[in-house]
């Protein structure tokens, strides 16, 4: 299945098919790489949000199987769209359960930059934004974001791809 078929189906049906989800979950590195490279050039935030929402929904379902690596892929794709408010959507994915809280890379949250993310979170007043702000600030102080530019480099795919 190619990118144009995936996106055409999404924009026609307004959903991401189970077939696409299966291909990604089965760790089709070719498709995963194509997704990353496609969204470097072609922005489609609606698709990116829908993909992450679908993966979150599957992960929340007790019968669903959604490894953290796949959630990170969806978070990374959403982050490529550079809309700072999406840091809270990624924070939501990180907080699905204990395993995602521990396993989903915190580096995905400040995709627009650490200081920009902290400033944005300081301007929000939801309970989740307050928790995210405290966590991001703590990680910043500990040096967890020292190599953030490399993490989002177009020259090197992240480890979970």
Protein backbone atom coordinates (compact mmCIF):
# COMPACT_ATOMS: atom_id res chain seq x y z
CA UNK A 1 0.00 0.00 0.00
CA UNK A 2 1.43 3.37 -0.97
CA UNK A 3 1.09 6.78 0.67
CA UNK A 4 -1.34 8.16 -1.90
CA UNK A 5 -3.71 5.21 -1.34
CA UNK A 6 -3.52 5.61 2.43
CA UNK A 7 -4.17 9.35 2.29
CA UNK A 8 -6.86 9.09 -0.36
CA UNK A 9 -8.73 6.57 1.78
CA UNK A 10 -8.37 8.79 4.83
CA UNK A 11 -9.67 11.89 3.07
CA UNK A 12 -12.51 10.01 1.38
CA UNK A 13 -13.67 7.98 4.37
CA UNK A 14 -12.40 10.27 7.14
CA UNK A 15 -10.87 7.29 8.89
CA UNK A 16 -7.65 5.32 8.99
CA UNK A 17 -8.28 1.77 7.88
CA UNK A 18 -7.53 -1.27 9.99
CA UNK A 19 -5.31 -2.45 7.16
CA UNK A 20 -3.08 0.62 7.51
CA UNK A 21 -2.97 0.20 11.29
CA UNK A 22 -2.02 -3.46 10.84
CA UNK A 23 0.78 -2.60 8.43
CA UNK A 24 2.24 -0.11 10.87
CA UNK A 25 1.81 -2.35 13.90
CA UNK A 26 3.45 -5.22 12.07
CA UNK A 27 6.50 -2.98 11.97
CA UNK A 28 6.64 -2.42 8.25
CA UNK A 29 9.82 -0.31 8.33
CA UNK A 30 9.35 0.62 4.71
CA UNK A 31 5.91 2.12 5.38
CA UNK A 32 7.08 3.74 8.61
CA UNK A 33 9.97 5.45 6.80
CA UNK A 34 7.65 6.53 3.98
CA UNK A 35 5.30 8.10 6.52
CA UNK A 36 8.13 10.06 8.12
CA UNK A 37 9.61 11.27 4.84
CA UNK A 38 6.20 12.06 3.35
CA UNK A 39 5.31 14.37 6.23
CA UNK A 40 8.67 16.16 6.12
CA UNK A 41 7.46 17.62 2.83
CA UNK A 42 3.67 17.19 2.72
CA UNK A 43 1.83 18.42 5.77
CA UNK A 44 -1.45 16.74 6.66
CA UNK A 45 -2.14 17.50 10.30
CA UNK A 46 -5.66 16.04 10.16
CA UNK A 47 -4.19 12.67 9.19
CA UNK A 48 -1.48 12.95 11.85
CA UNK A 49 -3.98 13.73 14.61
CA UNK A 50 -6.29 10.94 13.44
CA UNK A 51 -3.42 8.46 13.40
CA UNK A 52 -2.41 9.31 16.95
CA UNK A 53 -6.05 9.29 18.13
CA UNK A 54 -6.54 5.86 16.54
CA UNK A 55 -3.40 4.49 18.19
CA UNK A 56 -4.39 5.97 21.57
CA UNK A 57 -7.83 4.40 21.27
CA UNK A 58 -6.35 1.00 20.46
CA UNK A 59 -3.90 1.26 23.37
CA UNK A 60 -6.71 2.18 25.79
CA UNK A 61 -8.77 -0.83 24.72
CA UNK A 62 -7.95 -3.75 27.05
CA UNK A 63 -8.03 -6.13 24.07
CA UNK A 64 -6.03 -3.76 21.86
CA UNK A 65 -2.36 -4.12 21.17
CA UNK A 66 -0.43 -0.96 20.50
CA UNK A 67 3.27 -0.95 21.38
CA UNK A 68 4.79 2.29 22.62
CA UNK A 69 7.04 2.38 19.54
CA UNK A 70 3.98 2.78 17.32
CA UNK A 71 2.60 5.52 19.53
CA UNK A 72 5.96 7.25 19.27
CA UNK A 73 5.82 7.02 15.48
CA UNK A 74 2.40 8.70 15.49
CA UNK A 75 3.65 11.35 17.95
CA UNK A 76 6.70 12.02 15.79
CA UNK A 77 4.54 12.45 12.69
CA UNK A 78 2.26 14.86 14.54
CA UNK A 79 5.27 16.78 15.83
CA UNK A 80 6.52 17.23 12.28
CA UNK A 81 3.58 19.58 11.74
CA UNK A 82 5.04 22.05 14.26
CA UNK A 83 1.79 23.10 15.95
CA UNK A 84 2.79 23.73 19.55
CA UNK A 85 -0.65 22.91 20.95
CA UNK A 86 -0.07 19.32 19.81
CA UNK A 87 2.43 18.88 22.65
CA UNK A 88 -0.58 18.21 24.89
CA UNK A 89 -1.90 15.52 22.51
CA UNK A 90 1.51 13.85 22.71
CA UNK A 91 1.46 14.27 26.50
CA UNK A 92 -1.91 12.47 26.44
CA UNK A 93 -0.31 9.56 24.60
CA UNK A 94 2.52 9.44 27.13
CA UNK A 95 -0.02 9.20 29.96
CA UNK A 96 -2.25 6.40 28.67
CA UNK A 97 -0.87 3.90 31.17
CA UNK A 98 2.19 3.13 33.25
CA UNK A 99 4.08 1.53 30.37
CA UNK A 100 3.56 4.47 28.02
CA UNK A 101 4.42 6.89 30.80
CA UNK A 102 7.77 5.12 31.21
CA UNK A 103 8.33 4.08 27.61
CA UNK A 104 7.21 6.93 25.38
CA UNK A 105 10.16 9.28 24.88
CA UNK A 106 9.65 12.64 26.59
CA UNK A 107 11.66 14.19 23.76
CA UNK A 108 8.53 13.91 21.61
CA UNK A 109 6.65 16.49 23.70
CA UNK A 110 8.83 19.60 23.04
CA UNK A 111 9.08 19.10 19.27
CA UNK A 112 8.93 22.86 18.62
CA UNK A 113 11.71 23.51 21.13
CA UNK A 114 11.99 23.16 24.88
CA UNK A 115 11.69 26.81 25.86
CA UNK A 116 8.82 27.35 23.43
CA UNK A 117 7.01 24.34 24.90
CA UNK A 118 7.58 25.51 28.46
CA UNK A 119 6.27 28.98 27.58
CA UNK A 120 3.20 27.48 25.90
CA UNK A 121 2.47 25.17 28.84
CA UNK A 122 2.86 28.07 31.29
CA UNK A 123 0.11 29.89 29.38
CA UNK A 124 -2.31 26.95 29.74
CA UNK A 125 -4.29 26.22 32.87
CA UNK A 126 -5.60 22.68 32.49
CA UNK A 127 -4.59 20.03 35.02
CA UNK A 128 -2.77 18.12 32.26
CA UNK A 129 -0.81 21.15 31.07
CA UNK A 130 0.32 21.81 34.65
CA UNK A 131 1.52 18.20 34.97
CA UNK A 132 3.23 18.36 31.58
CA UNK A 133 4.93 21.65 32.49
CA UNK A 134 6.33 20.23 35.72
CA UNK A 135 7.59 17.09 33.96
CA UNK A 136 9.11 18.96 30.99
CA UNK A 137 10.83 21.47 33.28
CA UNK A 138 12.28 18.63 35.36
CA UNK A 139 13.56 16.87 32.24
CA UNK A 140 15.02 20.12 30.94
CA UNK A 141 16.89 20.69 34.21
CA UNK A 142 18.24 17.11 34.09
CA UNK A 143 19.53 17.48 30.52
CA UNK A 144 17.07 15.10 28.87
CA UNK A 145 16.68 17.54 25.97
CA UNK A 146 20.35 18.28 25.34
CA UNK A 147 20.32 16.40 22.01
CA UNK A 148 16.84 17.39 20.88
CA UNK A 149 18.07 18.72 17.53
CA UNK A 150 19.58 15.33 16.75
CA UNK A 151 16.39 13.56 17.86
CA UNK A 152 14.40 15.45 15.21
CA UNK A 153 17.13 15.53 12.56
CA UNK A 154 16.07 14.74 8.99
CA UNK A 155 19.44 13.03 8.52
CA UNK A 156 18.86 10.31 11.09
CA UNK A 157 15.60 8.51 11.76
CA UNK A 158 14.66 7.96 15.40
CA UNK A 159 15.33 4.55 16.92
CA UNK A 160 11.66 3.53 16.89
CA UNK A 161 11.32 3.78 13.10
